[in-house]
N, C-alpha and C. Protein backbone atom coordinates (compact mmCIF):
# COMPACT_ATOMS: atom_id res chain seq x y z
N MET A 1 27.73 -48.64 -3.16
CA MET A 1 26.46 -48.16 -2.78
C MET A 1 25.72 -47.39 -3.85
N ARG A 2 24.43 -47.80 -4.27
CA ARG A 2 23.80 -47.10 -5.39
C ARG A 2 22.90 -45.90 -4.79
N ASP A 3 22.91 -44.93 -5.72
CA ASP A 3 22.14 -43.80 -5.49
C ASP A 3 20.61 -44.02 -5.70
N HIS A 4 19.72 -43.33 -5.03
CA HIS A 4 18.38 -43.54 -4.93
C HIS A 4 17.84 -42.97 -6.28
N PRO A 5 16.95 -43.67 -7.07
CA PRO A 5 16.51 -43.26 -8.23
C PRO A 5 15.93 -41.83 -8.44
N VAL A 6 15.37 -41.25 -7.39
CA VAL A 6 14.84 -39.98 -7.26
C VAL A 6 15.97 -39.00 -7.22
N ILE A 7 17.10 -39.21 -6.61
CA ILE A 7 18.19 -38.41 -6.55
C ILE A 7 19.09 -38.45 -7.87
N LYS A 8 19.15 -39.68 -8.54
CA LYS A 8 19.64 -39.71 -10.00
C LYS A 8 18.89 -38.80 -10.88
N ALA A 9 17.45 -38.80 -10.58
CA ALA A 9 16.78 -38.08 -11.63
C ALA A 9 16.79 -36.56 -11.44
N MET A 10 17.07 -36.35 -10.19
CA MET A 10 17.25 -34.84 -9.94
C MET A 10 18.51 -34.46 -10.39
N GLU A 11 19.55 -35.15 -10.12
CA GLU A 11 20.82 -34.72 -10.63
C GLU A 11 20.91 -34.65 -12.17
N ARG A 12 20.05 -35.54 -12.89
CA ARG A 12 19.98 -35.53 -14.26
C ARG A 12 19.12 -34.30 -14.91
N THR A 13 17.91 -34.02 -14.20
CA THR A 13 17.11 -33.38 -14.80
C THR A 13 16.89 -31.88 -13.97
N GLY A 14 17.40 -31.93 -12.70
CA GLY A 14 17.06 -30.80 -11.80
C GLY A 14 15.77 -31.08 -11.20
N PHE A 15 15.27 -30.03 -10.40
CA PHE A 15 13.97 -30.33 -9.57
C PHE A 15 12.87 -29.99 -10.46
N SER A 16 12.40 -31.03 -11.44
CA SER A 16 11.53 -30.93 -12.31
C SER A 16 10.05 -30.93 -11.74
N ASN A 17 9.81 -31.35 -10.45
CA ASN A 17 8.42 -31.46 -10.05
C ASN A 17 8.19 -30.34 -9.22
N MET A 18 9.03 -29.36 -9.15
CA MET A 18 8.76 -27.83 -8.31
C MET A 18 7.60 -27.24 -9.08
N VAL A 19 6.69 -26.60 -8.10
CA VAL A 19 5.50 -26.02 -8.74
C VAL A 19 5.95 -24.59 -9.11
N ALA A 20 5.35 -24.08 -10.26
CA ALA A 20 5.64 -22.93 -10.72
C ALA A 20 5.01 -21.85 -9.90
N GLN A 21 5.69 -20.71 -9.59
CA GLN A 21 5.16 -19.65 -8.73
C GLN A 21 4.29 -18.71 -9.60
N VAL A 22 3.26 -18.16 -9.14
CA VAL A 22 2.53 -17.43 -9.69
C VAL A 22 3.09 -15.85 -9.60
N GLU A 23 3.17 -15.03 -10.61
CA GLU A 23 3.75 -13.63 -10.49
C GLU A 23 3.23 -12.73 -9.58
N HIS A 24 4.08 -12.29 -8.79
CA HIS A 24 3.55 -11.20 -7.64
C HIS A 24 3.67 -9.83 -8.00
N VAL A 25 2.65 -9.19 -8.08
CA VAL A 25 2.41 -7.85 -8.69
C VAL A 25 2.45 -6.69 -7.68
N GLY A 26 2.51 -6.94 -6.34
CA GLY A 26 2.38 -5.93 -5.38
C GLY A 26 1.68 -6.45 -4.01
N ILE A 27 1.18 -5.46 -3.23
CA ILE A 27 0.48 -5.85 -2.05
C ILE A 27 -0.68 -4.85 -1.93
N ASP A 28 -1.69 -5.15 -1.21
CA ASP A 28 -2.83 -4.31 -1.15
C ASP A 28 -2.85 -3.53 0.25
N TYR A 29 -3.84 -2.70 0.40
CA TYR A 29 -3.94 -1.88 1.77
C TYR A 29 -3.61 -2.60 2.98
N PHE A 30 -4.17 -3.89 3.00
CA PHE A 30 -3.83 -4.67 4.21
C PHE A 30 -2.53 -5.57 4.08
N ASP A 31 -1.54 -5.28 3.30
CA ASP A 31 -0.33 -5.82 3.17
C ASP A 31 -0.57 -7.28 2.56
N HIS A 32 -1.56 -7.59 1.86
CA HIS A 32 -1.85 -8.98 1.39
C HIS A 32 -1.12 -8.93 -0.08
N GLU A 33 -0.68 -10.12 -0.39
CA GLU A 33 -0.05 -10.20 -1.73
C GLU A 33 -0.89 -10.14 -2.97
N ILE A 34 -0.76 -9.42 -3.97
CA ILE A 34 -1.56 -9.48 -5.11
C ILE A 34 -0.72 -10.18 -6.14
N LEU A 35 -1.50 -11.18 -6.66
CA LEU A 35 -0.84 -12.12 -7.63
C LEU A 35 -1.46 -11.83 -9.19
N VAL A 36 -0.82 -11.97 -10.10
CA VAL A 36 -1.36 -11.76 -11.47
C VAL A 36 -2.68 -12.54 -11.53
N GLY A 37 -3.74 -11.93 -11.96
CA GLY A 37 -5.18 -12.37 -12.10
C GLY A 37 -6.03 -12.11 -10.97
N ASP A 38 -5.52 -11.66 -9.83
CA ASP A 38 -6.35 -11.23 -8.78
C ASP A 38 -7.20 -10.02 -9.06
N ASP A 39 -8.48 -9.99 -8.57
CA ASP A 39 -9.28 -8.98 -8.75
C ASP A 39 -8.99 -7.92 -7.79
N ILE A 40 -8.79 -6.74 -8.16
CA ILE A 40 -8.46 -5.68 -7.26
C ILE A 40 -9.48 -4.47 -7.35
N VAL A 41 -9.63 -3.40 -6.38
CA VAL A 41 -10.29 -2.29 -6.39
C VAL A 41 -9.31 -1.15 -6.15
N GLU A 42 -9.32 -0.05 -6.87
CA GLU A 42 -8.56 1.07 -6.66
C GLU A 42 -9.53 2.29 -6.22
N PHE A 43 -9.12 2.87 -4.99
CA PHE A 43 -9.78 3.96 -4.57
C PHE A 43 -8.96 4.91 -3.71
N ASP A 44 -9.02 6.17 -4.15
CA ASP A 44 -8.36 7.19 -3.57
C ASP A 44 -6.96 6.99 -3.41
N GLY A 45 -6.27 6.35 -4.54
CA GLY A 45 -4.94 6.01 -4.40
C GLY A 45 -4.47 4.73 -3.64
N GLU A 46 -5.57 3.96 -3.13
CA GLU A 46 -5.22 2.83 -2.43
C GLU A 46 -5.70 1.66 -3.37
N VAL A 47 -4.94 0.54 -3.23
CA VAL A 47 -5.13 -0.79 -3.99
C VAL A 47 -5.70 -1.78 -3.04
N ILE A 48 -6.87 -2.21 -3.16
CA ILE A 48 -7.51 -3.35 -2.18
C ILE A 48 -7.91 -4.41 -3.06
N LEU A 49 -7.66 -5.62 -2.63
CA LEU A 49 -7.95 -6.94 -3.08
C LEU A 49 -9.46 -7.00 -2.94
N GLN A 50 -10.18 -7.42 -4.00
CA GLN A 50 -11.72 -7.61 -3.98
C GLN A 50 -12.05 -8.27 -2.82
N ASP A 51 -11.33 -9.28 -2.29
CA ASP A 51 -11.83 -10.13 -1.17
C ASP A 51 -11.68 -9.31 0.08
N ASN A 52 -10.87 -8.17 -0.04
CA ASN A 52 -10.75 -7.47 1.18
C ASN A 52 -11.60 -6.07 1.27
N LEU A 53 -12.32 -5.86 0.18
CA LEU A 53 -13.23 -4.62 0.02
C LEU A 53 -14.15 -4.44 1.22
N GLU A 54 -14.83 -5.49 1.51
CA GLU A 54 -15.81 -5.21 2.62
C GLU A 54 -15.16 -4.82 3.96
N ARG A 55 -13.87 -5.51 4.17
CA ARG A 55 -13.30 -5.03 5.36
C ARG A 55 -12.81 -3.63 5.25
N TYR A 56 -12.09 -3.37 4.03
CA TYR A 56 -11.89 -1.69 3.85
C TYR A 56 -13.00 -0.83 4.06
N LEU A 57 -14.10 -1.12 3.47
CA LEU A 57 -15.30 -0.42 3.78
C LEU A 57 -15.75 -0.23 5.16
N SER A 58 -15.64 -1.19 5.85
CA SER A 58 -15.91 -1.17 7.30
C SER A 58 -14.91 -0.70 8.19
N GLU A 59 -13.57 -1.06 8.10
CA GLU A 59 -12.62 -0.58 9.00
C GLU A 59 -12.10 0.76 8.66
N VAL A 60 -11.95 1.14 7.28
CA VAL A 60 -11.30 2.44 7.05
C VAL A 60 -12.25 3.40 6.76
N LEU A 61 -13.32 3.16 6.04
CA LEU A 61 -14.48 4.21 5.66
C LEU A 61 -15.62 4.34 6.76
N GLY A 62 -15.69 3.28 7.62
CA GLY A 62 -16.60 3.40 8.40
C GLY A 62 -18.06 2.93 8.14
N PHE A 63 -18.24 2.17 7.04
CA PHE A 63 -19.44 1.73 6.54
C PHE A 63 -19.97 0.53 7.54
N GLU A 64 -21.39 0.55 7.72
CA GLU A 64 -21.86 -0.34 8.58
C GLU A 64 -22.67 -1.15 7.65
N PHE A 65 -22.57 -2.58 7.73
CA PHE A 65 -23.28 -3.62 7.00
C PHE A 65 -24.47 -4.03 7.88
N LYS A 66 -25.61 -3.93 7.46
CA LYS A 66 -26.80 -4.49 8.28
C LYS A 66 -27.72 -5.17 7.49
N THR A 67 -28.51 -5.99 8.02
CA THR A 67 -29.64 -6.70 7.31
C THR A 67 -30.94 -5.98 7.37
N ALA A 68 -31.73 -5.48 6.27
CA ALA A 68 -32.89 -4.77 6.39
C ALA A 68 -33.98 -5.62 6.85
C-alpha cells in the first residue's frame, strides 16, 4: 500500500502550508482581539479598537449620533 503524496510531503516537511498567525497583543473594551497593526484609541485607561469607537462613544459615554 502506497502513502498519499500529500501525507509523504507532510512527513518530510511538516505542515508547510499552514497560515502564519498574526501576533495577538491584547483585547479591547468590548473583549475583541487586538492584533499587531490594528488601529486603537486610548481613553481614560481603556483601549478601544478604532472600529469599535462609535459603539464605545454611544454605549459607554452616551453620545448620540444624528444627521443635521
